């Protein structure tokens, strides 16, 4: 027998001389091993049809033909499948798996599974469900995923570790974290993948402390791998846990003999972690020492520089990306670039790069891009231009964009009428009622001395059960995070902290400091009550605790859930000068680096 595929794609000559069927099939299987060309595959398939039936004795050969065709041309694979009598589970799984791997055939994987159940000639097995659940997770098909889960119980496959891992991923992707945890806890046998999927589920849901606790528990059974460390580094970034993040980095470096230390994704996560934990210097060091970069790592660095107010450095990084490294920027790249322009108050550059994104790179603006430019324009005094941009957006503006405008209306004294219109837009856009719009509108009324309207806003908030989100600031000391709320008295060292607060107030008075009460919570209360409220803002308590505990020369790193107010910003600048300390503060929008009485934001935030 002669089997050979000519390189010029001529017909496939096959001659049989006394070989048995099994030997004959093995030669076909050998040809299929390295087949990547559709025309050659069709020749092999044609000869297989001539020499073998599609009944049980040849199912393995046709399974291989189907598998290879699914990798080359899915439509042809479907035609092969439809010619097979009584396809086995491997063949069904091949089609479902091909759809699950494809970017645009996820729904088709579910349809093929339903067809498999309807025909009833073969039952799904433990290999079927990981493919199916992957497709369900990608398209957020929770209902179909639940039905698959029921089938898994029915067939007794719920104890299989691969099926369990896929169920965790499905429920986590669809936002059902409690179900994901329930599956995880009931698994009699867990692999490293099981732990990684559950840890990542916590991280993606913003439950960073839960992820870290599970990580500690995991180490009793498994050694972390690259996937684990990437999730853990992301969790550290989420809560600003610099000490733990540095430990994770050290762990990666200890594994330098393997691929982990040079992994682009892990290093990009480290850049992001150091940036979000307030150590821009370390973020830059990791980036510059990476053995290779991808677009994601460049994006991480540009975003890091933007977040820390290093606008010009971010734009220089973008120039390196496109001019020297010849990368093609994507939508995320321009979020970083426009954020850099926004945080730096660079209006001309913001306009320039927005136009470049649309006209030169043909990237359709998303809400994030519009949000950066609208915020930049409105805070820089170009409110009419910002409103025109919003009016001409091809997508509906969200509450974030309207809140930027309302904040600018207040700071730029744009008038009560315009502020009311913008506030109404926010209430229309928000899915849930939040306090921010009411608090800001009350300040607009207060600045216009419309005290009756301030009272009405207060009553509306009370009647609707809307309360102002409390300010919360955290600081890490010796690896332990300490949280403070405005007016907090719960910390075990609160007397010492209040003593430092009094010392700060005394030194501020000597400097001629005058409180800015415009953003005190009780805008119509007497000034002495406003001042008392301001000096007990959460970030001031955290700073006082840092001064009490940190060694001289160590930066004070504060993480706050809200935007820092004008008065606290001014006070923190003075503290940095009076106590000769560097204070790094991450608020809701960006980082502020206070040093020698100055802030990196140049008072534009």
Protein backbone atom coordinates (compact mmCIF):
# COMPACT_ATOMS: atom_id res chain seq x y z
CA UNK A 1 0.00 0.00 0.00
CA UNK A 2 1.29 3.48 -0.92
CA UNK A 3 0.10 6.56 0.99
CA UNK A 4 1.58 9.94 0.10
CA UNK A 5 0.29 13.48 -0.10
CA UNK A 6 1.94 15.41 -2.94
CA UNK A 7 3.12 18.90 -2.01
CA UNK A 8 1.43 20.35 -5.09
CA UNK A 9 -2.00 19.34 -3.73
CA UNK A 10 -2.65 16.91 -6.57
CA UNK A 11 -4.91 13.92 -5.99
CA UNK A 12 -3.94 11.56 -3.21
CA UNK A 13 -2.80 8.17 -4.62
CA UNK A 14 -3.72 5.23 -2.39
CA UNK A 15 -3.04 1.69 -3.36
CA UNK A 16 -3.96 -1.29 -1.18
CA UNK A 17 -2.03 -4.54 -1.52
CA UNK A 18 -3.13 -7.14 0.96
CA UNK A 19 -3.10 -5.06 4.10
CA UNK A 20 -5.73 -5.63 6.77
CA UNK A 21 -8.20 -2.89 7.70
CA UNK A 22 -6.49 -2.06 10.99
CA UNK A 23 -3.11 -1.46 9.35
CA UNK A 24 -4.80 0.50 6.59
CA UNK A 25 -6.50 2.82 9.13
CA UNK A 26 -3.23 3.39 10.98
CA UNK A 27 -1.68 4.81 7.81
CA UNK A 28 -4.58 7.23 7.46
CA UNK A 29 -4.13 8.26 11.08
CA UNK A 30 -0.45 8.89 10.43
CA UNK A 31 -1.32 11.21 7.54
CA UNK A 32 -3.80 13.08 9.72
CA UNK A 33 -1.18 13.75 12.42
CA UNK A 34 0.46 16.70 10.66
CA UNK A 35 -2.38 17.73 8.36
CA UNK A 36 -3.12 21.48 8.51
CA UNK A 37 -4.31 22.07 4.96
CA UNK A 38 -8.01 21.80 4.04
CA UNK A 39 -7.40 20.54 0.50
CA UNK A 40 -5.19 17.70 1.77
CA UNK A 41 -7.71 16.90 4.50
CA UNK A 42 -10.47 16.62 1.88
CA UNK A 43 -8.35 14.13 -0.09
CA UNK A 44 -7.77 11.99 3.00
CA UNK A 45 -11.48 12.18 3.83
CA UNK A 46 -12.48 11.20 0.29
CA UNK A 47 -10.19 8.19 0.32
CA UNK A 48 -11.51 7.20 3.77
CA UNK A 49 -15.07 7.25 2.42
CA UNK A 50 -14.01 5.02 -0.48
CA UNK A 51 -12.32 2.48 1.76
CA UNK A 52 -14.21 2.56 5.07
CA UNK A 53 -17.81 2.79 6.18
CA UNK A 54 -18.89 5.16 8.95
CA UNK A 55 -19.97 2.29 11.20
CA UNK A 56 -18.45 1.28 14.52
CA UNK A 57 -15.29 -0.39 13.17
CA UNK A 58 -14.10 2.89 11.62
CA UNK A 59 -15.40 5.39 14.16
CA UNK A 60 -11.95 6.10 15.56
CA UNK A 61 -10.63 7.09 12.14
CA UNK A 62 -13.62 9.34 11.49
CA UNK A 63 -13.23 10.81 14.97
CA UNK A 64 -9.71 11.89 14.02
CA UNK A 65 -10.88 13.30 10.69
CA UNK A 66 -13.57 15.25 12.54
CA UNK A 67 -11.08 16.53 15.11
CA UNK A 68 -8.62 17.75 12.47
CA UNK A 69 -11.36 19.36 10.38
CA UNK A 70 -12.71 21.18 13.46
CA UNK A 71 -9.29 22.83 13.81
CA UNK A 72 -9.09 23.81 10.14
CA UNK A 73 -12.65 24.58 8.97
CA UNK A 74 -15.62 24.29 11.34
CA UNK A 75 -18.25 24.26 8.59
CA UNK A 76 -16.49 21.35 6.93
CA UNK A 77 -16.31 19.62 10.33
CA UNK A 78 -20.10 19.90 10.58
CA UNK A 79 -20.50 18.26 7.16
CA UNK A 80 -18.17 15.44 8.23
CA UNK A 81 -20.17 14.98 11.43
CA UNK A 82 -23.51 14.81 9.61
CA UNK A 83 -22.22 11.93 7.43
CA UNK A 84 -21.35 9.74 10.42
CA UNK A 85 -23.77 7.04 11.56
CA UNK A 86 -24.29 7.03 15.32
CA UNK A 87 -21.57 9.51 16.35
CA UNK A 88 -19.97 8.73 19.69
CA UNK A 89 -19.45 11.10 22.64
CA UNK A 90 -15.96 12.05 21.46
CA UNK A 91 -17.43 13.34 18.19
CA UNK A 92 -20.11 15.38 19.93
CA UNK A 93 -17.49 16.74 22.34
CA UNK A 94 -15.24 17.65 19.41
CA UNK A 95 -17.91 19.89 17.91
CA UNK A 96 -18.92 21.43 21.25
CA UNK A 97 -15.25 22.03 22.13
CA UNK A 98 -14.55 23.67 18.76
CA UNK A 99 -17.45 26.07 19.33
CA UNK A 100 -16.37 26.79 22.91
CA UNK A 101 -12.87 27.72 21.71
CA UNK A 102 -14.18 29.92 18.90
CA UNK A 103 -14.80 33.62 19.57
CA UNK A 104 -18.10 33.73 17.70
CA UNK A 105 -19.62 30.26 18.11
CA UNK A 106 -20.22 30.07 21.87
CA UNK A 107 -24.01 29.97 21.52
CA UNK A 108 -23.65 27.22 18.91
CA UNK A 109 -21.90 25.04 21.50
CA UNK A 110 -25.08 25.20 23.60
CA UNK A 111 -27.26 24.40 20.56
CA UNK A 112 -25.15 21.32 19.70
CA UNK A 113 -25.41 20.13 23.31
CA UNK A 114 -29.21 20.38 23.16
CA UNK A 115 -29.16 18.45 19.88
CA UNK A 116 -27.03 15.78 21.57
CA UNK A 117 -29.66 15.41 24.31
CA UNK A 118 -32.56 15.34 21.82
CA UNK A 119 -31.07 12.60 19.66
CA UNK A 120 -30.37 10.56 22.77
CA UNK A 121 -28.04 8.07 21.07
CA UNK A 122 -25.22 8.88 23.47
CA UNK A 123 -25.04 10.57 26.89
CA UNK A 124 -22.84 13.56 27.72
CA UNK A 125 -19.75 12.61 29.71
CA UNK A 126 -17.20 14.32 31.94
CA UNK A 127 -15.44 15.74 28.87
CA UNK A 128 -18.63 17.32 27.48
CA UNK A 129 -19.42 19.66 30.35
CA UNK A 130 -16.14 21.60 30.71
CA UNK A 131 -16.52 22.66 27.05
CA UNK A 132 -20.20 23.48 27.46
CA UNK A 133 -19.77 25.41 30.72
CA UNK A 134 -16.91 27.41 29.24
CA UNK A 135 -19.22 28.56 26.44
CA UNK A 136 -22.02 29.36 28.92
CA UNK A 137 -19.62 31.41 31.07
CA UNK A 138 -18.41 33.42 28.09
CA UNK A 139 -21.92 34.47 26.99
CA UNK A 140 -23.24 34.72 30.60
CA UNK A 141 -25.81 32.01 29.85
CA UNK A 142 -26.66 31.36 33.51
CA UNK A 143 -30.00 29.65 32.83
CA UNK A 144 -28.43 27.20 30.38
CA UNK A 145 -25.53 26.69 32.80
CA UNK A 146 -27.94 25.79 35.60
CA UNK A 147 -29.63 23.26 33.31
CA UNK A 148 -26.22 21.77 32.55
CA UNK A 149 -25.54 21.62 36.30
CA UNK A 150 -28.75 19.64 36.74
CA UNK A 151 -27.62 17.21 34.01
CA UNK A 152 -24.29 16.85 35.79
CA UNK A 153 -26.08 15.76 38.99
CA UNK A 154 -28.33 13.43 37.04
CA UNK A 155 -25.35 11.69 35.43
CA UNK A 156 -23.35 11.54 38.67
CA UNK A 157 -20.54 13.73 37.32
CA UNK A 158 -20.66 16.35 40.08
CA UNK A 159 -17.66 14.82 41.86
CA UNK A 160 -15.35 15.18 38.85
CA UNK A 161 -12.71 17.84 39.53
CA UNK A 162 -12.66 19.21 35.97
CA UNK A 163 -16.42 19.56 35.89
CA UNK A 164 -16.35 21.22 39.31
CA UNK A 165 -13.71 23.73 38.19
CA UNK A 166 -15.85 24.62 35.17
CA UNK A 167 -18.92 25.13 37.36
CA UNK A 168 -17.01 27.49 39.65
CA UNK A 169 -15.89 29.49 36.63
CA UNK A 170 -19.44 29.59 35.22
CA UNK A 171 -21.07 30.87 38.41
CA UNK A 172 -18.29 33.38 39.11
CA UNK A 173 -18.50 34.75 35.56
CA UNK A 174 -22.25 35.18 35.91
CA UNK A 175 -21.95 36.98 39.24
CA UNK A 176 -23.25 34.09 41.38
CA UNK A 177 -20.32 34.01 43.78
CA UNK A 178 -22.25 32.18 46.51
CA UNK A 179 -22.99 29.31 44.10
CA UNK A 180 -19.36 29.23 42.98
CA UNK A 181 -18.26 28.95 46.61
CA UNK A 182 -20.88 26.27 47.29
CA UNK A 183 -19.53 24.14 44.42
CA UNK A 184 -15.95 24.73 45.61
CA UNK A 185 -16.68 23.74 49.20
CA UNK A 186 -18.51 20.55 48.16
CA UNK A 187 -15.69 19.29 45.92
CA UNK A 188 -14.23 16.14 47.52
CA UNK A 189 -11.02 16.60 45.55
CA UNK A 190 -9.58 19.93 44.52
CA UNK A 191 -6.76 20.63 42.11
CA UNK A 192 -4.57 23.72 42.00
CA UNK A 193 -6.88 24.95 39.24
CA UNK A 194 -9.84 24.71 41.64
CA UNK A 195 -8.14 27.06 44.09
CA UNK A 196 -6.98 29.40 41.32
CA UNK A 197 -10.47 29.69 39.84
CA UNK A 198 -12.05 30.42 43.22
CA UNK A 199 -9.35 32.93 44.22
CA UNK A 200 -9.71 34.69 40.87
CA UNK A 201 -13.50 34.72 41.31
CA UNK A 202 -13.07 36.66 44.56
CA UNK A 203 -10.64 39.08 42.91
CA UNK A 204 -12.93 39.73 39.95
CA UNK A 205 -15.79 40.39 42.40
CA UNK A 206 -13.71 42.90 44.36
CA UNK A 207 -13.57 40.69 47.46
CA UNK A 208 -9.81 41.02 47.78
CA UNK A 209 -9.51 40.08 51.45
CA UNK A 210 -11.48 36.88 50.83
CA UNK A 211 -9.08 36.05 48.01
CA UNK A 212 -6.06 36.56 50.27
CA UNK A 213 -7.56 34.41 53.05
CA UNK A 214 -8.26 31.61 50.56
CA UNK A 215 -4.70 31.95 49.26
CA UNK A 216 -3.32 31.37 52.76
CA UNK A 217 -5.52 28.26 53.11
CA UNK A 218 -4.48 26.99 49.67
CA UNK A 219 -0.80 26.89 50.62
CA UNK A 220 -1.50 24.01 53.00
CA UNK A 221 -2.15 21.83 49.95
CA UNK A 222 -0.51 23.41 46.90
CA UNK A 223 2.38 25.61 45.89
CA UNK A 224 1.21 28.72 44.01
CA UNK A 225 1.80 28.93 40.27
CA UNK A 226 1.81 31.87 37.89
CA UNK A 227 -1.99 32.07 37.71
CA UNK A 228 -2.22 32.15 41.50
CA UNK A 229 0.36 34.90 41.82
CA UNK A 230 -1.27 37.06 39.18
CA UNK A 231 -4.56 36.94 41.11
CA UNK A 232 -2.84 37.60 44.44
CA UNK A 233 -0.92 40.57 43.05
CA UNK A 234 -4.23 41.96 41.74
CA UNK A 235 -5.82 41.47 45.17
CA UNK A 236 -2.95 43.38 46.80
CA UNK A 237 -3.48 46.19 44.31
CA UNK A 238 -7.19 46.28 45.13
CA UNK A 239 -6.70 46.89 48.86
CA UNK A 240 -3.39 48.75 48.68
CA UNK A 241 -1.55 45.99 50.58
CA UNK A 242 2.00 47.02 49.69
CA UNK A 243 3.74 44.70 52.17
CA UNK A 244 1.93 41.61 50.91
CA UNK A 245 2.43 42.78 47.33
CA UNK A 246 6.17 43.03 47.94
CA UNK A 247 6.12 39.52 49.42
CA UNK A 248 4.34 38.29 46.27
CA UNK A 249 6.98 40.01 44.14
CA UNK A 250 9.76 38.39 46.17
CA UNK A 251 8.08 35.00 45.72
CA UNK A 252 8.01 35.51 41.94
CA UNK A 253 11.70 36.45 41.95
CA UNK A 254 12.56 33.33 43.98
CA UNK A 255 11.00 31.35 41.16
CA UNK A 256 13.29 33.10 38.67
CA UNK A 257 14.67 29.77 37.48
CA UNK A 258 11.28 29.05 35.93
CA UNK A 259 9.04 31.01 33.60
CA UNK A 260 7.19 32.89 36.36
CA UNK A 261 9.73 35.71 36.84
CA UNK A 262 9.68 36.56 33.13
CA UNK A 263 5.94 36.16 32.65
CA UNK A 264 4.58 39.27 30.94
CA UNK A 265 1.15 39.05 32.59
CA UNK A 266 2.60 38.70 36.10
CA UNK A 267 5.00 41.59 35.56
CA UNK A 268 2.20 43.76 34.18
CA UNK A 269 0.19 42.92 37.29
CA UNK A 270 3.18 43.92 39.44
CA UNK A 271 3.39 47.28 37.65
CA UNK A 272 -0.31 47.79 38.34
CA UNK A 273 0.03 46.65 41.97
CA UNK A 274 2.94 48.94 42.84
CA UNK A 275 1.18 51.83 41.16
CA UNK A 276 -2.08 51.31 43.05
CA UNK A 277 -0.20 50.81 46.32
CA UNK A 278 1.43 54.21 45.90
CA UNK A 279 4.95 53.17 44.87
CA UNK A 280 5.36 54.58 41.37
CA UNK A 281 9.14 54.19 41.58
CA UNK A 282 8.85 50.42 42.02
CA UNK A 283 6.24 50.23 39.24
CA UNK A 284 8.68 51.93 36.87
CA UNK A 285 11.53 49.69 38.03
CA UNK A 286 9.54 46.52 37.32
CA UNK A 287 8.48 47.84 33.92
CA UNK A 288 11.97 48.86 32.81
CA UNK A 289 13.52 45.53 33.89
CA UNK A 290 10.90 43.33 32.18
CA UNK A 291 12.60 41.00 29.67
CA UNK A 292 9.86 41.74 27.16
CA UNK A 293 6.78 43.91 26.93
CA UNK A 294 3.37 43.48 25.37
CA UNK A 295 0.72 46.12 24.76
CA UNK A 296 -0.91 45.35 28.12
CA UNK A 297 2.32 46.11 30.00
CA UNK A 298 2.70 49.43 28.17
CA UNK A 299 -0.91 50.27 28.98
CA UNK A 300 -0.31 49.46 32.66
CA UNK A 301 2.66 51.83 32.76
CA UNK A 302 0.84 54.67 31.00
CA UNK A 303 -2.13 54.29 33.36
CA UNK A 304 0.22 54.22 36.37
CA UNK A 305 1.91 57.46 35.34
CA UNK A 306 -1.46 59.07 34.64
CA UNK A 307 -2.90 58.04 38.00
CA UNK A 308 0.08 59.56 39.82
CA UNK A 309 -0.20 62.88 38.01
CA UNK A 310 2.87 62.35 35.80
CA UNK A 311 1.08 63.53 32.68
CA UNK A 312 4.08 64.45 30.54
CA UNK A 313 5.85 61.19 31.45
CA UNK A 314 2.72 59.26 30.42
CA UNK A 315 2.67 61.01 27.03
CA UNK A 316 6.38 60.28 26.56
CA UNK A 317 5.67 56.64 27.36
CA UNK A 318 2.94 56.67 24.69
CA UNK A 319 5.45 58.11 22.18
CA UNK A 320 7.89 55.28 22.97
CA UNK A 321 5.08 52.79 22.48
CA UNK A 322 4.11 53.92 18.99
CA UNK A 323 7.33 55.45 17.61
CA UNK A 324 10.11 53.25 18.98
CA UNK A 325 8.39 49.96 19.83
CA UNK A 326 5.96 50.15 16.88
CA UNK A 327 2.98 48.89 18.89
CA UNK A 328 -0.50 49.78 17.67
CA UNK A 329 -2.36 51.44 20.59
CA UNK A 330 -5.81 50.20 21.50
CA UNK A 331 -8.81 51.59 23.36
CA UNK A 332 -7.22 50.99 26.79
CA UNK A 333 -4.06 52.85 25.73
CA UNK A 334 -6.09 55.98 25.03
CA UNK A 335 -7.92 55.69 28.36
CA UNK A 336 -4.48 56.03 29.95
CA UNK A 337 -3.40 58.87 27.66
CA UNK A 338 -6.62 60.85 28.15
CA UNK A 339 -6.48 60.21 31.92
CA UNK A 340 -2.98 61.67 31.93
CA UNK A 341 -4.24 64.79 30.15
CA UNK A 342 -7.20 64.98 32.53
CA UNK A 343 -5.19 64.67 35.75
CA UNK A 344 -2.61 67.15 34.46
CA UNK A 345 -5.13 69.74 33.28
CA UNK A 346 -3.66 69.53 29.75
CA UNK A 347 -6.64 70.71 27.71
CA UNK A 348 -4.89 71.15 24.35
CA UNK A 349 -3.28 67.71 24.63
CA UNK A 350 -6.60 66.16 25.64
CA UNK A 351 -8.29 67.49 22.51
CA UNK A 352 -5.32 66.45 20.37
CA UNK A 353 -5.16 62.83 21.57
CA UNK A 354 -8.94 62.38 21.45
CA UNK A 355 -8.89 63.47 17.79
CA UNK A 356 -5.86 61.23 17.15
CA UNK A 357 -7.69 58.23 18.60
CA UNK A 358 -10.75 58.79 16.42
CA UNK A 359 -9.20 60.00 13.17
CA UNK A 360 -5.75 58.37 13.04
CA UNK A 361 -6.37 55.05 14.78
CA UNK A 362 -10.09 54.71 13.95
CA UNK A 363 -10.94 53.75 17.54
CA UNK A 364 -14.56 54.40 18.44
CA UNK A 365 -14.73 56.37 21.71
CA UNK A 366 -16.22 54.60 24.72
CA UNK A 367 -17.74 56.15 27.81
CA UNK A 368 -14.33 56.12 29.53
CA UNK A 369 -12.80 58.27 26.77
CA UNK A 370 -15.68 60.72 26.76
CA UNK A 371 -15.59 60.83 30.56
CA UNK A 372 -11.91 61.83 30.63
CA UNK A 373 -12.36 64.62 28.09
CA UNK A 374 -15.62 65.91 29.59
CA UNK A 375 -14.06 66.02 33.06
CA UNK A 376 -10.94 67.77 31.74
CA UNK A 377 -12.89 70.40 29.81
CA UNK A 378 -15.45 71.13 32.51
CA UNK A 379 -12.93 71.39 35.38
CA UNK A 380 -10.78 73.66 33.22
CA UNK A 381 -13.65 76.09 32.75
CA UNK A 382 -14.80 74.96 29.28
CA UNK A 383 -18.23 73.87 30.49
CA UNK A 384 -20.03 74.89 27.28
CA UNK A 385 -17.60 72.83 25.19
CA UNK A 386 -18.04 69.89 27.58
CA UNK A 387 -21.84 70.13 27.28
CA UNK A 388 -21.57 70.25 23.48
CA UNK A 389 -19.37 67.15 23.52
CA UNK A 390 -21.93 65.32 25.67
CA UNK A 391 -24.76 66.39 23.35
CA UNK A 392 -22.90 64.98 20.31
CA UNK A 393 -21.86 61.66 21.87
CA UNK A 394 -22.88 58.61 19.85
CA UNK A 395 -23.64 56.73 23.08
CA UNK A 396 -25.82 57.71 26.02
CA UNK A 397 -23.82 59.50 28.75
CA UNK A 398 -23.77 57.73 32.10
CA UNK A 399 -24.07 59.12 35.62
CA UNK A 400 -20.26 59.43 35.94
CA UNK A 401 -20.11 61.95 33.10
CA UNK A 402 -23.01 63.96 34.48
CA UNK A 403 -21.42 63.95 37.96
CA UNK A 404 -18.23 65.40 36.48
CA UNK A 405 -20.29 68.20 35.00
CA UNK A 406 -22.16 68.84 38.25
CA UNK A 407 -18.91 69.00 40.20
CA UNK A 408 -17.51 71.47 37.65
CA UNK A 409 -20.70 73.56 37.80
CA UNK A 410 -20.21 73.89 41.56
CA UNK A 411 -16.49 74.71 41.39
CA UNK A 412 -16.86 77.08 38.44
CA UNK A 413 -19.97 78.79 39.86
CA UNK A 414 -21.87 77.97 36.68
CA UNK A 415 -25.21 78.81 38.27
CA UNK A 416 -28.04 77.06 40.09
CA UNK A 417 -30.23 76.47 37.03
CA UNK A 418 -27.59 74.58 35.05
CA UNK A 419 -26.61 72.60 38.16
CA UNK A 420 -30.23 71.55 38.67
CA UNK A 421 -30.51 70.37 35.06
CA UNK A 422 -27.33 68.31 35.36
CA UNK A 423 -28.45 66.88 38.72
CA UNK A 424 -31.71 65.77 37.10
CA UNK A 425 -29.70 63.98 34.39
CA UNK A 426 -27.74 62.14 37.08
CA UNK A 427 -30.91 60.96 38.80
CA UNK A 428 -32.22 59.73 35.44
CA UNK A 429 -28.97 57.85 34.69
CA UNK A 430 -28.27 56.22 38.05
CA UNK A 431 -29.63 52.72 38.55
CA UNK A 432 -29.50 53.06 42.32
CA UNK A 433 -30.04 56.17 44.40
CA UNK A 434 -26.79 57.52 45.86
CA UNK A 435 -26.08 60.45 48.12
CA UNK A 436 -23.50 62.17 45.92
CA UNK A 437 -25.86 64.14 43.70
CA UNK A 438 -27.92 65.39 46.68
CA UNK A 439 -24.83 66.43 48.66
CA UNK A 440 -23.35 68.28 45.68
CA UNK A 441 -26.65 70.01 44.89
CA UNK A 442 -27.00 71.09 48.52
CA UNK A 443 -23.56 72.70 48.27
CA UNK A 444 -24.61 74.50 45.10
CA UNK A 445 -27.63 75.88 46.95
CA UNK A 446 -25.49 76.77 49.97
CA UNK A 447 -22.97 78.65 47.83
CA UNK A 448 -25.92 80.62 46.40
CA UNK A 449 -27.21 81.10 49.99
CA UNK A 450 -30.49 79.40 49.11
CA UNK A 451 -30.86 77.87 52.59
CA UNK A 452 -34.48 76.89 52.08
CA UNK A 453 -33.46 74.67 49.15
CA UNK A 454 -30.69 73.18 51.27
CA UNK A 455 -33.35 72.21 53.82
CA UNK A 456 -35.54 70.68 51.09
CA UNK A 457 -32.62 68.53 49.89
CA UNK A 458 -32.01 67.38 53.46
CA UNK A 459 -35.68 66.43 53.85
CA UNK A 460 -35.73 64.55 50.52
CA UNK A 461 -32.67 62.56 51.57
CA UNK A 462 -34.25 61.73 54.93
CA UNK A 463 -37.58 60.73 53.41
CA UNK A 464 -35.88 58.49 50.81
CA UNK A 465 -33.49 56.98 53.34
CA UNK A 466 -30.47 58.31 51.44
CA UNK A 467 -27.41 58.83 53.66
CA UNK A 468 -24.07 60.35 52.79
CA UNK A 469 -21.37 57.76 52.18
CA UNK A 470 -19.01 57.98 55.16
CA UNK A 471 -15.39 58.87 54.49
CA UNK A 472 -13.06 55.96 55.18
CA UNK A 473 -9.26 56.01 55.04
CA UNK A 474 -6.80 53.20 55.61
CA UNK A 475 -3.08 53.07 56.34
CA UNK A 476 -0.79 50.05 56.47
CA UNK A 477 1.64 49.78 59.40
CA UNK A 478 3.96 46.74 59.62
CA UNK A 479 1.76 44.80 57.22
CA UNK A 480 -1.46 45.49 59.16
CA UNK A 481 -4.14 47.73 57.66
CA UNK A 482 -5.84 50.24 59.97
CA UNK A 483 -9.15 51.81 58.93
CA UNK A 484 -10.53 55.13 60.11
CA UNK A 485 -13.93 56.71 59.54
CA UNK A 486 -14.70 60.40 59.92
CA UNK A 487 -14.99 61.23 63.63
CA UNK A 488 -13.78 57.72 64.53
CA UNK A 489 -13.26 56.88 68.23
CA UNK A 490 -13.00 53.10 67.96
CA UNK A 491 -9.26 52.63 67.46
CA UNK A 492 -7.46 51.29 70.57
CA UNK A 493 -4.91 54.14 70.36
CA UNK A 494 -7.47 56.85 69.68
CA UNK A 495 -6.31 59.08 72.57
CA UNK A 496 -2.79 59.21 71.15
CA UNK A 497 -4.19 59.86 67.67
CA UNK A 498 -6.33 62.74 68.90
CA UNK A 499 -3.26 64.09 70.68
CA UNK A 500 -1.42 64.24 67.34
CA UNK A 501 -4.50 65.87 65.77
CA UNK A 502 -4.36 68.61 68.42
CA UNK A 503 -0.63 69.06 67.79
CA UNK A 504 -1.29 69.41 64.06
CA UNK A 505 -4.04 71.97 64.70
CA UNK A 506 -1.72 73.98 66.95
CA UNK A 507 1.04 74.08 64.32
CA UNK A 508 -1.47 74.94 61.58
CA UNK A 509 -2.74 77.91 63.56
CA UNK A 510 0.82 79.20 63.91
CA UNK A 511 1.10 79.08 60.13
CA UNK A 512 -2.01 81.22 59.79
CA UNK A 513 -4.12 78.38 58.40
CA UNK A 514 -7.76 79.31 57.77
CA UNK A 515 -10.21 76.37 57.33
CA UNK A 516 -12.18 76.05 54.10
CA UNK A 517 -15.63 75.04 55.36
CA UNK A 518 -17.32 74.99 51.95
CA UNK A 519 -17.32 71.19 51.82
CA UNK A 520 -18.17 70.47 55.44
CA UNK A 521 -21.08 68.08 55.72
CA UNK A 522 -23.37 70.41 57.65
CA UNK A 523 -23.15 73.40 55.32
CA UNK A 524 -25.54 75.57 57.36
CA UNK A 525 -24.09 74.83 60.81
CA UNK A 526 -21.94 77.31 62.79
CA UNK A 527 -18.30 77.58 61.71
CA UNK A 528 -16.92 76.06 64.92
CA UNK A 529 -18.94 72.85 64.31
CA UNK A 530 -17.79 72.76 60.68
CA UNK A 531 -14.16 73.13 61.73
CA UNK A 532 -14.50 70.33 64.28
CA UNK A 533 -16.00 68.13 61.56
CA UNK A 534 -13.18 68.92 59.13
CA UNK A 535 -10.31 68.19 61.51
CA UNK A 536 -11.75 64.72 62.19
CA UNK A 537 -11.99 63.71 58.53
CA UNK A 538 -10.83 60.13 58.06
CA UNK A 539 -7.63 60.97 56.16
CA UNK A 540 -6.48 63.30 58.97
CA UNK A 541 -6.93 60.52 61.53
CA UNK A 542 -4.96 58.14 59.29
CA UNK A 543 -2.19 60.70 58.77
CA UNK A 544 -1.98 61.30 62.53
CA UNK A 545 -1.69 57.55 63.13
CA UNK A 546 1.05 57.38 60.50
CA UNK A 547 3.01 60.19 62.13
CA UNK A 548 2.65 58.38 65.43
CA UNK A 549 4.01 55.05 64.18
CA UNK A 550 6.17 55.34 61.07
CA UNK A 551 9.94 55.78 61.23
CA UNK A 552 11.35 59.14 60.09
CA UNK A 553 11.83 59.22 56.31
CA UNK A 554 9.13 56.63 55.66
CA UNK A 555 6.31 57.88 53.40
CA UNK A 556 2.80 57.96 54.86
CA UNK A 557 0.52 56.10 52.43
CA UNK A 558 -3.20 56.77 52.79
CA UNK A 559 -6.06 55.20 50.82
CA UNK A 560 -9.41 57.01 50.88
CA UNK A 561 -12.77 55.89 49.45
CA UNK A 562 -13.90 59.43 48.55
CA UNK A 563 -12.34 62.38 46.75
CA UNK A 564 -10.20 64.45 49.14
CA UNK A 565 -11.88 67.76 50.03
CA UNK A 566 -10.31 71.19 49.47
CA UNK A 567 -9.55 71.77 53.15
CA UNK A 568 -7.92 68.37 53.74
CA UNK A 569 -5.86 68.84 50.59
CA UNK A 570 -4.55 72.18 51.84
CA UNK A 571 -3.93 70.82 55.34
CA UNK A 572 -2.05 67.79 54.01
CA UNK A 573 0.26 70.05 52.01
CA UNK A 574 1.03 72.01 55.18
CA UNK A 575 1.57 68.83 57.24
CA UNK A 576 4.10 67.56 54.68
CA UNK A 577 6.09 70.78 55.12
CA UNK A 578 5.71 71.21 58.88
CA UNK A 579 6.60 67.60 59.75
CA UNK A 580 9.02 67.13 56.82
CA UNK A 581 7.22 63.99 55.66
CA UNK A 582 6.10 62.67 52.29
CA UNK A 583 2.40 61.80 52.21
CA UNK A 584 1.02 59.70 49.36
CA UNK A 585 -2.76 59.69 49.21
CA UNK A 586 -4.96 57.70 46.85
CA UNK A 587 -8.48 59.08 46.74
CA UNK A 588 -11.39 57.95 44.57
CA UNK A 589 -9.91 59.46 41.39
CA UNK A 590 -6.13 59.59 41.58
CA UNK A 591 -2.93 59.76 43.64
CA UNK A 592 -1.67 62.87 45.38
CA UNK A 593 2.01 63.11 46.35
CA UNK A 594 2.47 65.74 49.09
CA UNK A 595 6.02 66.90 49.77
CA UNK A 596 7.62 70.14 50.98
CA UNK A 597 4.22 71.85 51.10
CA UNK A 598 3.37 71.01 47.48
CA UNK A 599 1.15 68.41 45.79
CA UNK A 600 1.83 66.56 42.55
CA UNK A 601 -1.64 67.50 41.28
CA UNK A 602 -0.71 71.20 41.34
CA UNK A 603 -4.11 71.82 42.99
CA UNK A 604 -5.99 70.52 39.92
CA UNK A 605 -8.07 67.52 40.90
